[in-house]
């Protein structure tokens, strides 16, 4: 009997852990208590960004990440440059890795030769220090970031901002 109990313990703890994960995912809060971009917001962001890119006739890649810089959603508009896939993702990650304190372009001046943060784009698996990555704020909380790549820097910023404005703000 004791050996049956010992064999059952791993399954019991797995069941308890699964129930705990369903409730709070080890974060000590429920999903509704967290401040993170959700799938519905992500779809709205991507839809608004696609609409803006089509209005400008610019095919782009759109990446949405959560505050931890993990990808929540991605879309490559037809005919967008394949090389811009990585750039869009890195623009959004750059913003998230600095807690939404500034858009990706916020590092540009400080990252130039001779400046205090020269070569920072080589850190964290690659950052992007030009425009197209913008933070997403909702109810005063940083909930994620959007990165857009495929047009000019100004076009990428305009498209990313259109996406963010669909669910929150950039400040």
Protein backbone atom coordinates (compact mmCIF):
# COMPACT_ATOMS: atom_id res chain seq x y z
CA UNK A 1 0.00 0.00 0.00
CA UNK A 2 2.83 2.40 0.89
CA UNK A 3 4.45 1.76 -2.52
CA UNK A 4 1.14 2.59 -4.26
CA UNK A 5 0.97 5.87 -2.36
CA UNK A 6 4.56 6.72 -3.31
CA UNK A 7 3.76 6.00 -6.97
CA UNK A 8 0.61 8.15 -6.84
CA UNK A 9 2.32 11.22 -5.31
CA UNK A 10 3.85 12.52 -8.56
CA UNK A 11 0.46 12.35 -10.27
CA UNK A 12 -1.26 14.06 -7.36
CA UNK A 13 1.27 16.89 -7.33
CA UNK A 14 0.96 17.23 -11.14
CA UNK A 15 -2.83 17.47 -10.81
CA UNK A 16 -2.52 20.10 -8.08
CA UNK A 17 0.03 22.02 -10.16
CA UNK A 18 -2.23 21.93 -13.22
CA UNK A 19 -5.11 23.33 -11.18
CA UNK A 20 -2.83 26.06 -9.83
CA UNK A 21 -1.62 26.91 -13.34
CA UNK A 22 -5.18 27.20 -14.59
CA UNK A 23 -5.93 29.72 -11.87
CA UNK A 24 -2.81 31.88 -11.72
CA UNK A 25 -0.04 30.43 -13.92
CA UNK A 26 2.40 30.72 -10.99
CA UNK A 27 2.18 34.51 -11.12
CA UNK A 28 0.08 34.89 -7.98
CA UNK A 29 -2.74 36.55 -9.87
CA UNK A 30 -5.43 35.61 -12.35
CA UNK A 31 -5.11 36.59 -16.01
CA UNK A 32 -7.70 39.31 -15.47
CA UNK A 33 -5.56 40.89 -12.75
CA UNK A 34 -2.45 41.14 -14.92
CA UNK A 35 -1.44 44.02 -17.12
CA UNK A 36 -0.53 42.39 -20.40
CA UNK A 37 -1.79 42.71 -23.96
CA UNK A 38 -4.29 39.91 -24.57
CA UNK A 39 -5.24 38.06 -27.72
CA UNK A 40 -8.30 40.23 -28.43
CA UNK A 41 -6.25 43.42 -28.15
CA UNK A 42 -3.50 41.86 -30.26
CA UNK A 43 -5.94 41.06 -33.05
CA UNK A 44 -7.32 44.63 -32.92
CA UNK A 45 -3.79 46.07 -33.05
CA UNK A 46 -2.82 43.95 -36.02
CA UNK A 47 -6.08 44.70 -37.84
CA UNK A 48 -5.69 48.49 -37.40
CA UNK A 49 -2.02 48.35 -38.42
CA UNK A 50 -2.85 46.34 -41.54
CA UNK A 51 -5.57 48.83 -42.46
CA UNK A 52 -3.09 51.72 -42.12
CA UNK A 53 -0.45 49.87 -44.14
CA UNK A 54 -2.96 49.24 -46.92
CA UNK A 55 -4.02 52.91 -46.87
CA UNK A 56 -0.36 53.82 -47.39
CA UNK A 57 0.18 50.97 -49.90
CA UNK A 58 3.11 49.75 -47.78
CA UNK A 59 3.37 45.99 -47.10
CA UNK A 60 4.79 45.52 -43.60
CA UNK A 61 5.48 42.99 -40.89
CA UNK A 62 3.71 43.58 -37.57
CA UNK A 63 4.85 42.08 -34.26
CA UNK A 64 3.07 42.42 -30.91
CA UNK A 65 4.83 41.42 -27.69
CA UNK A 66 3.83 41.37 -24.03
CA UNK A 67 5.70 43.31 -21.31
CA UNK A 68 8.22 40.46 -21.06
CA UNK A 69 9.07 40.88 -24.76
CA UNK A 70 7.48 37.56 -25.67
CA UNK A 71 5.64 37.37 -28.98
CA UNK A 72 1.84 37.46 -28.67
CA UNK A 73 0.99 37.98 -32.34
CA UNK A 74 2.61 38.47 -35.72
CA UNK A 75 1.43 39.11 -39.26
CA UNK A 76 3.29 39.53 -42.52
CA UNK A 77 1.22 41.54 -44.99
CA UNK A 78 1.36 40.10 -48.51
CA UNK A 79 4.60 41.04 -50.27
CA UNK A 80 6.27 42.49 -47.16
CA UNK A 81 10.04 42.05 -47.13
CA UNK A 82 11.08 38.78 -45.49
CA UNK A 83 14.10 40.57 -44.01
CA UNK A 84 11.75 42.87 -42.12
CA UNK A 85 10.24 40.00 -40.12
CA UNK A 86 13.19 39.98 -37.72
CA UNK A 87 13.34 43.78 -37.63
CA UNK A 88 9.66 44.12 -36.65
CA UNK A 89 10.08 41.60 -33.86
CA UNK A 90 13.25 43.26 -32.59
CA UNK A 91 11.63 46.71 -32.65
CA UNK A 92 8.83 45.46 -30.40
CA UNK A 93 11.27 43.59 -28.14
CA UNK A 94 13.48 46.68 -27.81
CA UNK A 95 10.55 48.68 -26.44
CA UNK A 96 9.46 45.91 -24.06
CA UNK A 97 12.96 45.22 -22.74
CA UNK A 98 13.06 48.80 -21.46
CA UNK A 99 9.56 48.58 -19.92
CA UNK A 100 7.98 50.86 -22.51
CA UNK A 101 9.96 53.86 -21.26
CA UNK A 102 10.49 55.01 -24.86
CA UNK A 103 9.85 53.91 -28.44
CA UNK A 104 12.61 52.04 -30.30
CA UNK A 105 13.86 55.34 -31.76
CA UNK A 106 14.50 56.57 -28.22
CA UNK A 107 17.90 54.88 -28.26
CA UNK A 108 19.06 56.31 -31.58
CA UNK A 109 21.06 59.35 -30.45
CA UNK A 110 22.62 57.57 -27.48
CA UNK A 111 23.76 54.64 -29.63
CA UNK A 112 25.82 56.62 -32.14
CA UNK A 113 29.64 56.33 -32.20
CA UNK A 114 31.11 58.21 -29.26
CA UNK A 115 27.78 58.36 -27.39
CA UNK A 116 27.18 56.76 -24.01
CA UNK A 117 25.29 53.71 -25.33
CA UNK A 118 27.32 53.09 -28.47
CA UNK A 119 26.73 49.50 -29.71
CA UNK A 120 23.75 48.87 -27.39
CA UNK A 121 21.98 47.35 -30.41
CA UNK A 122 24.38 44.41 -30.08
CA UNK A 123 22.96 43.47 -26.66
CA UNK A 124 19.95 41.37 -25.69
CA UNK A 125 20.09 39.26 -28.84
CA UNK A 126 19.88 42.37 -31.00
CA UNK A 127 18.01 45.61 -30.44
CA UNK A 128 16.72 48.08 -33.00
CA UNK A 129 17.47 51.73 -32.33
CA UNK A 130 15.39 53.38 -35.04
CA UNK A 131 11.66 54.06 -35.27
CA UNK A 132 8.83 51.60 -35.71
CA UNK A 133 8.62 50.11 -32.23
CA UNK A 134 6.07 51.73 -29.91
CA UNK A 135 4.82 50.89 -26.41
CA UNK A 136 1.22 50.01 -25.63
CA UNK A 137 -0.31 51.55 -22.52
CA UNK A 138 -3.82 50.86 -21.24
CA UNK A 139 -5.29 52.38 -18.08
CA UNK A 140 -1.86 53.77 -17.24
CA UNK A 141 -0.12 50.37 -17.39
CA UNK A 142 2.51 49.22 -19.87
CA UNK A 143 0.93 46.13 -21.45
CA UNK A 144 3.23 45.42 -24.40
CA UNK A 145 4.73 46.80 -27.59
CA UNK A 146 4.23 46.81 -31.34
CA UNK A 147 6.99 46.66 -33.92
CA UNK A 148 6.42 47.41 -37.59
CA UNK A 149 8.93 47.10 -40.42
CA UNK A 150 8.70 47.35 -44.18
CA UNK A 151 8.29 51.04 -44.96
CA UNK A 152 10.32 54.11 -44.15
CA UNK A 153 10.93 54.81 -40.47
CA UNK A 154 8.16 57.43 -40.48
CA UNK A 155 5.72 55.04 -42.20
CA UNK A 156 6.55 52.25 -39.75
CA UNK A 157 5.92 54.59 -36.81
CA UNK A 158 2.61 55.75 -38.33
CA UNK A 159 1.43 52.18 -38.89
CA UNK A 160 2.52 50.97 -35.44
CA UNK A 161 0.86 53.96 -33.78
CA UNK A 162 -2.38 53.27 -35.66
CA UNK A 163 -2.31 49.74 -34.24
CA UNK A 164 -1.68 50.91 -30.69
CA UNK A 165 -4.38 53.57 -30.90
CA UNK A 166 -6.91 50.81 -31.57
CA UNK A 167 -6.56 49.57 -27.96
CA UNK A 168 -4.73 52.15 -25.87
CA UNK A 169 -2.07 54.80 -26.16
CA UNK A 170 1.66 55.15 -26.75
CA UNK A 171 2.24 57.08 -23.51
